[in-house]
Structures are given as C-alpha cells and as structure tokens.
C-alpha cells in the first residue's frame, strides 16, 4: 500500500503523531509519502528506506501579501498522487489539509482519476481555529467530504459533533508512543549537572502558545520551590517565551529554570525529570504528557479536553481546573516530598503509557485504511 501523509512538519502534536505514524507504517513495509512544506522534524533522526518527502513549494509574488499555500498544497498532492500512484491520503489537522485534498480530488476526477482520503482531527483545528466563523463552513464541508474521520480522543470526537454539523461517524484512534524510543535512560551525569544538590526536576514541553498557559508553569514552580528544592526545565519555543522568561525574573525563580528551546532528543531530557507540568487550557489528548509517562515521569495537569483519558487521578498524577495553580502546586509538593510515594507514581505512569504503545494503535489505522480503500473500490 502507498500512503500519502499530509501534516504540519513542526514540533506540535499533530505533526509529531503524523510523523511517528509514517515511520511505524514504513517499518511494517508500507510506502509512505510525506507532503508538506519542509521535512518533518522527527524524520531527521534516522533514515527510513520506505519514506519519501515531497516539499510543497509556494512561489512568492509581489501581488500576494499571503502566498496561497493551500493552492500549492493541492497541486503538489495531485502531482504526487499521479506520479507515485498513491492508494490513499491521510490528512492530519483539518485546516487547510482536508480542504486542499478536496480540491485535489476534483482536479483528479476531471482526468478520470480519484483517491480516498482520511482526515484526522487533532485538537485546535476543531476547538479553536475551526470554530472561527472565517473557517467554519470550509472546515465542516471538507470534514464531511472525507471518506473517513478520526479523532485522537473521545473528548475531541464529542467536541467535534457539538461544534460542527458532521454527517459521518468519527473513529477514535488515540495517540501512541514508541516505548523503544521513549523510555528512561541513565543520564545521572546530566542530572548532576542540573541539580547538583539533589533537587527535584520538573519539566514542561510545549510550543509556548497562549493555550498552553505557560505562565502557570512558572507560578506552580515558584510555589513548589518554596517547599521542595527543585529545578525547572522548559522545552520548546513560541510566542509566549519572552513573556514567560520575564515573569520568571520578576518572580525571582529564573536562576533555577533552564529554557532549553526546541529539542529533538526529548527522551534524554525526560529521563532525568521527576514531574511533568501541563496546565493547558485545552488538550485534545496530550501527546507530550504520554511521552513523559513512558519515560517514568508522572503528571500534574488540568482536567481539560482529553487529559482525563490518559492521566489517572491519584495514580499517574493529579488534575486540577484550568488556572488553579494553587491546587496544582499542592499536588506537586505532595508527590515530590516523599520519594517512595513518587516512585509509585512513576511506576504507574509507565504502566499507563504502555497501554498506548504503538503496537496497539497502528493496527487500528491499518484496518481503517483497508476498509476505506475497499469501500472506495466497491463504489467506483
């Protein structure tokens, strides 16, 4: 089977999941073609003989204040589908990938060709951007034109039905983690450098957008640090970073925080962490949290979106209402102040992560691909 995957190539959850899915499928012998504007981040880590990358090039002209990426994407899709003889397209994130795929399909049908496509909804394409009146009609239409729709959590599935007039079922296929890549490794020398006096290490990973409520991470850490000697690692980058760094200086905790920027070898950093902080306003699933759990790191999170589907209250960590930094700090202190208690949380975090191993999830996508292709061929 030849599979085209269309995604954002960045550190965000949708791009990471799409890339990991493509890698897993290629390892099983499928031919995978990524179509996006630059090589996905996680493809840089190793060579995969069954994976191909097709760059979407967007010409710039003085006429355009905003180059028409969607048009260039649709044209690239047509080119790849025709020349590589793809069997199916898998679109990650509704905007603009699903609408571009519909456009490409109409072009192909004029030449007597066609291809089925699946749209996977990841979160903010539904909960934030997609609801905007500017995009909602196109999002609704293109989702409904998909041959199959998937969502990464039950919560996102329900949210999609509430927000849009969806005429088809939505299959829930959760995010997954590769336990062979995300596991705790011995990085004691690294930990000694960052926490020479045995301080506990807290970590946050995100794209530093407002929806992640990154300032809350600093506020939680400031409270924890008063009770438990600790350090904080901030991984990622984005629009909130400068404001958050200034907040850390204002609160007097900057010297105990390391802003590490974007990192590709996340598992090595997670291996030295004791607690993962995720105070997001909304999370469709929380892939970064799942990867942390696989590396032996329990969670402090909000109870927003799909997080209750992975973070088990009082077992893998604790959840609080959005913005309740006092509650999150209280739970963090409780977990960190007793080593035996913390060890149990870590053990349970790994056990929960293993329920989402890729070997359990990839077959769900394979089955869906086969069903969609069979129905497509049947209805030709």
Protein backbone atom coordinates (compact mmCIF):
# COMPACT_ATOMS: atom_id res chain seq x y z
CA UNK A 1 0.00 0.00 0.00
CA UNK A 2 1.21 3.50 -0.88
CA UNK A 3 0.11 6.07 1.69
CA UNK A 4 0.31 9.85 1.40
CA UNK A 5 0.55 11.71 4.71
CA UNK A 6 -0.15 15.44 4.80
CA UNK A 7 0.77 17.25 8.00
CA UNK A 8 2.47 20.21 9.62
CA UNK A 9 6.18 19.40 9.95
CA UNK A 10 6.67 21.14 13.29
CA UNK A 11 7.09 20.10 16.94
CA UNK A 12 3.33 20.31 17.54
CA UNK A 13 1.37 17.20 18.48
CA UNK A 14 -0.33 16.72 15.11
CA UNK A 15 2.95 16.83 13.21
CA UNK A 16 4.68 14.55 15.70
CA UNK A 17 1.88 11.98 15.61
CA UNK A 18 1.71 12.04 11.81
CA UNK A 19 5.47 11.57 11.53
CA UNK A 20 5.58 8.76 14.08
CA UNK A 21 2.70 7.07 12.29
CA UNK A 22 4.52 7.29 8.97
CA UNK A 23 7.68 5.86 10.48
CA UNK A 24 5.76 2.99 12.09
CA UNK A 25 3.97 2.20 8.83
CA UNK A 26 7.22 2.25 6.85
CA UNK A 27 8.74 -0.16 9.36
CA UNK A 28 5.89 -2.54 8.52
CA UNK A 29 6.68 -2.37 4.82
CA UNK A 30 4.27 0.32 3.61
CA UNK A 31 5.48 3.01 1.23
CA UNK A 32 4.89 6.38 2.88
CA UNK A 33 4.96 9.76 1.15
CA UNK A 34 5.03 12.90 3.30
CA UNK A 35 3.63 16.01 1.62
CA UNK A 36 4.36 19.26 3.46
CA UNK A 37 6.38 22.48 3.23
CA UNK A 38 9.51 21.13 4.92
CA UNK A 39 10.81 17.82 6.19
CA UNK A 40 9.04 16.84 9.43
CA UNK A 41 11.24 17.30 12.48
CA UNK A 42 11.29 13.69 13.62
CA UNK A 43 12.25 12.39 10.20
CA UNK A 44 15.66 13.97 10.74
CA UNK A 45 16.60 11.47 13.43
CA UNK A 46 17.24 8.45 11.19
CA UNK A 47 16.94 7.14 7.62
CA UNK A 48 13.88 5.14 6.58
CA UNK A 49 14.07 3.50 3.13
CA UNK A 50 10.27 3.33 2.66
CA UNK A 51 9.69 7.03 3.37
CA UNK A 52 9.65 9.77 0.76
CA UNK A 53 9.36 13.51 1.31
CA UNK A 54 7.70 15.85 -1.20
CA UNK A 55 8.18 19.55 -0.49
CA UNK A 56 5.31 21.95 -1.11
CA UNK A 57 6.91 25.00 -2.69
CA UNK A 58 4.96 28.23 -2.52
CA UNK A 59 6.12 30.89 -5.01
CA UNK A 60 6.20 34.44 -3.70
CA UNK A 61 4.88 37.25 -5.83
CA UNK A 62 4.51 40.98 -5.01
CA UNK A 63 0.80 40.59 -5.68
CA UNK A 64 0.32 38.31 -2.67
CA UNK A 65 0.60 39.56 0.90
CA UNK A 66 -0.04 35.96 1.94
CA UNK A 67 1.20 33.30 -0.52
CA UNK A 68 -1.60 30.79 -1.34
CA UNK A 69 -0.25 27.71 0.42
CA UNK A 70 -3.47 25.75 0.10
CA UNK A 71 -3.37 26.04 -3.69
CA UNK A 72 0.27 24.97 -3.83
CA UNK A 73 -0.51 22.07 -1.49
CA UNK A 74 -3.40 20.85 -3.65
CA UNK A 75 -1.22 21.00 -6.78
CA UNK A 76 1.56 19.06 -5.03
CA UNK A 77 -0.96 16.46 -3.88
CA UNK A 78 -2.15 15.96 -7.46
CA UNK A 79 1.42 15.59 -8.69
CA UNK A 80 2.39 13.06 -6.03
CA UNK A 81 -0.82 11.06 -6.32
CA UNK A 82 -0.49 10.73 -10.10
CA UNK A 83 3.24 10.08 -10.31
CA UNK A 84 3.63 7.90 -7.22
CA UNK A 85 0.29 6.10 -7.71
CA UNK A 86 -0.82 6.54 -4.12
CA UNK A 87 -3.62 4.37 -2.76
CA UNK A 88 -4.86 6.70 -0.02
CA UNK A 89 -4.26 10.11 1.53
CA UNK A 90 -4.15 10.63 5.29
CA UNK A 91 -4.60 14.25 6.34
CA UNK A 92 -3.57 15.41 9.79
CA UNK A 93 -5.22 18.60 11.05
CA UNK A 94 -8.31 19.77 9.21
CA UNK A 95 -7.02 23.21 8.20
CA UNK A 96 -6.03 23.51 5.39
CA UNK A 97 -5.22 19.91 4.58
CA UNK A 98 -8.74 18.50 4.23
CA UNK A 99 -9.95 21.33 2.00
CA UNK A 100 -6.79 21.10 -0.13
CA UNK A 101 -7.39 17.36 -0.52
CA UNK A 102 -10.94 18.00 -1.70
CA UNK A 103 -9.59 20.50 -4.24
CA UNK A 104 -7.03 17.95 -5.43
CA UNK A 105 -9.71 15.29 -5.73
CA UNK A 106 -11.81 17.49 -8.02
CA UNK A 107 -8.80 18.07 -10.27
CA UNK A 108 -8.10 14.33 -10.42
CA UNK A 109 -11.70 13.48 -11.25
CA UNK A 110 -11.50 15.68 -14.32
CA UNK A 111 -8.82 13.31 -15.60
CA UNK A 112 -10.73 10.17 -14.70
CA UNK A 113 -8.72 9.51 -11.53
CA UNK A 114 -9.61 9.58 -7.86
CA UNK A 115 -8.29 8.70 -4.41
CA UNK A 116 -9.91 8.27 -1.00
CA UNK A 117 -8.77 10.41 1.92
CA UNK A 118 -8.97 10.23 5.69
CA UNK A 119 -8.92 13.29 7.96
CA UNK A 120 -7.54 13.01 11.49
CA UNK A 121 -8.65 15.76 13.87
CA UNK A 122 -6.06 16.71 16.46
CA UNK A 123 -7.49 19.49 18.60
CA UNK A 124 -7.12 23.18 17.94
CA UNK A 125 -8.24 22.66 14.35
CA UNK A 126 -11.60 21.97 15.99
CA UNK A 127 -11.59 23.59 19.42
CA UNK A 128 -10.05 26.95 18.46
CA UNK A 129 -9.29 27.73 14.82
CA UNK A 130 -12.04 25.64 13.27
CA UNK A 131 -14.80 27.33 15.24
CA UNK A 132 -13.86 30.73 13.90
CA UNK A 133 -16.63 31.94 11.60
CA UNK A 134 -13.98 32.67 8.98
CA UNK A 135 -13.13 28.97 8.65
CA UNK A 136 -16.12 27.03 10.00
CA UNK A 137 -18.01 26.47 6.71
CA UNK A 138 -14.91 25.17 4.92
CA UNK A 139 -13.89 23.02 7.89
CA UNK A 140 -17.37 21.48 8.11
CA UNK A 141 -17.58 20.84 4.37
CA UNK A 142 -14.12 19.33 3.99
CA UNK A 143 -14.50 17.07 7.02
CA UNK A 144 -17.80 15.76 5.68
CA UNK A 145 -16.21 15.15 2.27
CA UNK A 146 -13.59 12.90 3.86
CA UNK A 147 -14.01 9.18 3.27
CA UNK A 148 -13.32 8.61 6.98
CA UNK A 149 -12.76 10.82 10.00
CA UNK A 150 -10.71 10.04 13.09
CA UNK A 151 -10.13 11.90 16.34
CA UNK A 152 -7.35 11.36 18.87
CA UNK A 153 -9.67 11.20 21.90
CA UNK A 154 -13.28 10.61 22.89
CA UNK A 155 -13.43 14.18 24.14
CA UNK A 156 -12.38 15.59 20.76
CA UNK A 157 -14.92 13.40 18.98
CA UNK A 158 -17.72 14.74 21.19
CA UNK A 159 -16.45 18.32 20.82
CA UNK A 160 -16.47 17.99 17.03
CA UNK A 161 -20.06 16.80 16.97
CA UNK A 162 -21.06 19.68 19.26
CA UNK A 163 -19.28 22.32 17.20
CA UNK A 164 -19.96 21.21 13.62
CA UNK A 165 -22.72 19.56 11.64
CA UNK A 166 -20.84 16.35 10.95
CA UNK A 167 -22.75 13.84 8.84
CA UNK A 168 -20.49 10.83 9.37
CA UNK A 169 -19.18 8.80 12.27
CA UNK A 170 -15.84 9.74 13.82
CA UNK A 171 -13.50 6.90 14.72
CA UNK A 172 -11.46 7.41 17.88
CA UNK A 173 -7.87 6.28 17.40
CA UNK A 174 -5.75 7.60 20.26
CA UNK A 175 -2.23 8.93 20.02
CA UNK A 176 0.51 6.43 20.69
CA UNK A 177 4.05 6.25 21.98
CA UNK A 178 7.04 4.22 20.83
CA UNK A 179 8.30 2.62 24.04
CA UNK A 180 11.54 1.65 22.29
CA UNK A 181 12.31 5.33 21.77
CA UNK A 182 10.70 6.86 24.83
CA UNK A 183 12.00 5.21 27.95
CA UNK A 184 14.10 6.22 30.92
CA UNK A 185 17.82 6.06 30.20
CA UNK A 186 20.71 6.53 32.60
CA UNK A 187 21.54 10.23 32.42
CA UNK A 188 22.69 10.63 36.01
CA UNK A 189 25.67 12.75 34.95
CA UNK A 190 23.30 15.15 33.20
CA UNK A 191 21.08 15.30 36.27
CA UNK A 192 24.06 16.03 38.50
CA UNK A 193 24.96 19.00 36.32
CA UNK A 194 21.47 20.49 36.51
CA UNK A 195 20.64 19.53 40.09
CA UNK A 196 23.98 19.16 41.93
CA UNK A 197 22.36 19.15 45.36
CA UNK A 198 19.77 16.52 44.59
CA UNK A 199 16.98 18.92 43.72
CA UNK A 200 13.85 17.51 42.13
CA UNK A 201 13.49 18.29 38.41
CA UNK A 202 10.21 19.49 36.92
CA UNK A 203 9.73 19.75 33.17
CA UNK A 204 7.34 21.38 30.71
CA UNK A 205 7.21 20.75 26.95
CA UNK A 206 5.09 22.80 24.55
CA UNK A 207 5.03 25.25 21.65
CA UNK A 208 4.62 28.12 24.12
CA UNK A 209 1.27 29.26 22.75
CA UNK A 210 -1.29 31.00 24.93
CA UNK A 211 -3.47 27.87 25.03
CA UNK A 212 -0.69 26.07 26.91
CA UNK A 213 -0.89 28.61 29.78
CA UNK A 214 2.88 28.58 30.13
CA UNK A 215 2.89 31.37 32.78
CA UNK A 216 1.03 28.93 35.05
CA UNK A 217 4.05 26.61 34.84
CA UNK A 218 6.23 29.35 36.34
CA UNK A 219 3.65 30.13 39.04
CA UNK A 220 3.39 26.46 40.01
CA UNK A 221 7.14 26.09 40.13
CA UNK A 222 7.53 29.19 42.31
CA UNK A 223 5.21 27.64 44.90
CA UNK A 224 6.78 24.17 44.71
CA UNK A 225 10.30 25.58 45.03
CA UNK A 226 9.41 27.14 48.39
CA UNK A 227 8.63 23.70 49.83
CA UNK A 228 10.80 21.29 47.81
CA UNK A 229 14.27 22.15 46.45
CA UNK A 230 13.77 21.90 42.73
CA UNK A 231 14.73 22.96 39.21
CA UNK A 232 12.56 23.52 36.16
CA UNK A 233 13.33 22.63 32.55
CA UNK A 234 11.33 24.47 29.87
CA UNK A 235 11.46 22.72 26.49
CA UNK A 236 10.11 24.36 23.36
CA UNK A 237 9.68 27.80 21.92
CA UNK A 238 6.93 30.07 20.72
CA UNK A 239 5.14 33.41 21.15
CA UNK A 240 4.89 33.23 24.95
CA UNK A 241 8.56 32.53 25.65
CA UNK A 242 9.84 36.09 26.17
CA UNK A 243 6.92 36.96 28.44
CA UNK A 244 7.45 33.81 30.46
CA UNK A 245 11.16 34.45 30.87
CA UNK A 246 10.37 37.94 32.13
CA UNK A 247 7.79 36.54 34.55
CA UNK A 248 10.41 34.12 35.91
CA UNK A 249 12.79 37.04 36.53
CA UNK A 250 10.05 39.07 38.21
CA UNK A 251 9.14 36.16 40.49
CA UNK A 252 12.78 35.56 41.38
CA UNK A 253 12.98 31.98 40.09
CA UNK A 254 14.80 32.49 36.79
CA UNK A 255 18.13 31.16 38.07
CA UNK A 256 16.51 27.80 38.85
CA UNK A 257 15.00 27.45 35.38
CA UNK A 258 16.65 26.31 32.16
CA UNK A 259 14.96 27.42 28.93
CA UNK A 260 16.25 24.78 26.53
CA UNK A 261 14.36 25.79 23.38
CA UNK A 262 13.29 23.22 20.79
CA UNK A 263 14.84 19.81 21.33
CA UNK A 264 14.75 16.68 19.19
CA UNK A 265 16.06 14.17 21.75
CA UNK A 266 13.25 14.77 24.22
CA UNK A 267 13.51 11.33 25.83
CA UNK A 268 17.02 12.02 27.13
CA UNK A 269 15.78 15.14 28.94
CA UNK A 270 12.64 13.46 30.23
CA UNK A 271 14.82 10.68 31.65
CA UNK A 272 16.08 12.98 34.41
CA UNK A 273 12.71 14.53 35.26
CA UNK A 274 10.63 13.83 38.34
CA UNK A 275 7.40 15.57 37.35
CA UNK A 276 5.77 16.84 34.16
CA UNK A 277 3.68 20.03 34.26
CA UNK A 278 0.89 20.54 31.72
CA UNK A 279 -1.53 23.31 32.84
CA UNK A 280 -3.10 23.73 29.37
CA UNK A 281 -6.39 25.47 28.75
CA UNK A 282 -7.26 22.63 26.40
CA UNK A 283 -5.58 19.43 25.22
CA UNK A 284 -7.25 17.11 22.75
CA UNK A 285 -5.06 14.28 24.04
CA UNK A 286 -1.71 15.35 25.49
CA UNK A 287 0.92 13.50 23.46
CA UNK A 288 3.81 15.24 25.24
CA UNK A 289 2.40 14.01 28.55
CA UNK A 290 2.17 10.44 27.25
CA UNK A 291 5.80 10.56 26.11
CA UNK A 292 6.78 11.84 29.56
CA UNK A 293 4.90 9.00 31.24
CA UNK A 294 6.73 6.49 29.05
CA UNK A 295 9.97 7.96 30.41
CA UNK A 296 8.96 7.36 34.03
CA UNK A 297 7.54 10.83 34.67
CA UNK A 298 4.13 11.33 36.37
CA UNK A 299 1.87 14.30 35.62
CA UNK A 300 0.40 17.43 37.06
CA UNK A 301 -2.18 18.61 34.54
CA UNK A 302 -5.50 20.30 34.09
CA UNK A 303 -8.63 18.23 33.61
CA UNK A 304 -9.25 19.83 30.21
CA UNK A 305 -10.14 18.03 26.99
CA UNK A 306 -8.76 14.53 26.61
CA UNK A 307 -6.29 14.68 29.52
CA UNK A 308 -8.54 12.62 31.84
CA UNK A 309 -8.28 9.83 29.26
CA UNK A 310 -4.56 9.40 29.98
CA UNK A 311 -3.90 10.96 33.41
CA UNK A 312 -5.48 8.80 36.11
CA UNK A 313 -6.25 10.91 39.17
CA UNK A 314 -4.17 9.87 42.15
CA UNK A 315 -2.42 7.12 40.17
CA UNK A 316 -0.36 8.62 37.34
CA UNK A 317 -0.61 12.12 38.80
CA UNK A 318 -3.25 14.71 39.59
CA UNK A 319 -5.58 17.02 37.67
CA UNK A 320 -6.97 20.44 38.57
CA UNK A 321 -9.25 23.01 36.99
CA UNK A 322 -7.71 25.32 34.41
CA UNK A 323 -5.90 28.19 36.14
CA UNK A 324 -5.94 26.62 39.62
CA UNK A 325 -2.19 26.89 40.20
CA UNK A 326 -2.61 26.55 43.98
CA UNK A 327 -4.15 23.11 43.59
CA UNK A 328 -1.56 22.01 41.04
CA UNK A 329 1.29 23.21 43.24
CA UNK A 330 -0.22 21.47 46.29
CA UNK A 331 -0.42 18.17 44.43
CA UNK A 332 3.10 18.57 43.05
CA UNK A 333 4.50 19.18 46.53
CA UNK A 334 2.64 16.12 47.82
CA UNK A 335 4.16 13.91 45.12
CA UNK A 336 7.69 15.29 45.34
CA UNK A 337 8.02 15.41 49.12
CA UNK A 338 8.10 11.62 49.60
CA UNK A 339 10.50 9.55 47.47
CA UNK A 340 8.66 6.27 47.98
CA UNK A 341 5.37 7.89 47.03
CA UNK A 342 6.96 9.49 43.96
CA UNK A 343 8.45 6.14 42.93
CA UNK A 344 4.98 4.58 42.92
CA UNK A 345 3.58 7.40 40.78
CA UNK A 346 6.45 6.85 38.34
CA UNK A 347 5.79 3.12 38.18
CA UNK A 348 2.09 3.69 37.50
CA UNK A 349 2.87 6.32 34.85
CA UNK A 350 4.89 3.81 32.84
CA UNK A 351 2.15 1.17 33.18
CA UNK A 352 -0.42 3.61 31.82
CA UNK A 353 1.83 4.67 28.93
CA UNK A 354 2.24 1.06 27.85
CA UNK A 355 -1.50 0.88 27.15
CA UNK A 356 -0.82 3.34 24.34
CA UNK A 357 2.17 1.55 22.79
CA UNK A 358 2.27 1.85 19.03
CA UNK A 359 1.82 -1.89 18.57
CA UNK A 360 -1.71 -1.49 19.96
CA UNK A 361 -2.65 1.57 17.89
CA UNK A 362 -1.05 1.17 14.44
CA UNK A 363 -3.28 -1.84 13.53
CA UNK A 364 -6.32 0.40 14.06
CA UNK A 365 -5.06 2.72 11.30
CA UNK A 366 -4.20 -0.23 9.05
CA UNK A 367 -7.70 -1.63 9.43
CA UNK A 368 -9.24 1.75 8.64
CA UNK A 369 -7.06 2.20 5.54
CA UNK A 370 -8.11 -1.20 4.22
CA UNK A 371 -11.79 -0.54 4.91
CA UNK A 372 -11.74 2.87 3.23
CA UNK A 373 -9.89 1.58 0.15
CA UNK A 374 -12.23 -1.43 -0.12
CA UNK A 375 -15.34 0.79 0.08
CA UNK A 376 -13.85 3.21 -2.41
CA UNK A 377 -13.13 0.46 -4.92
CA UNK A 378 -16.55 -1.06 -4.35
CA UNK A 379 -18.34 2.22 -5.08
CA UNK A 380 -16.31 3.17 -8.18
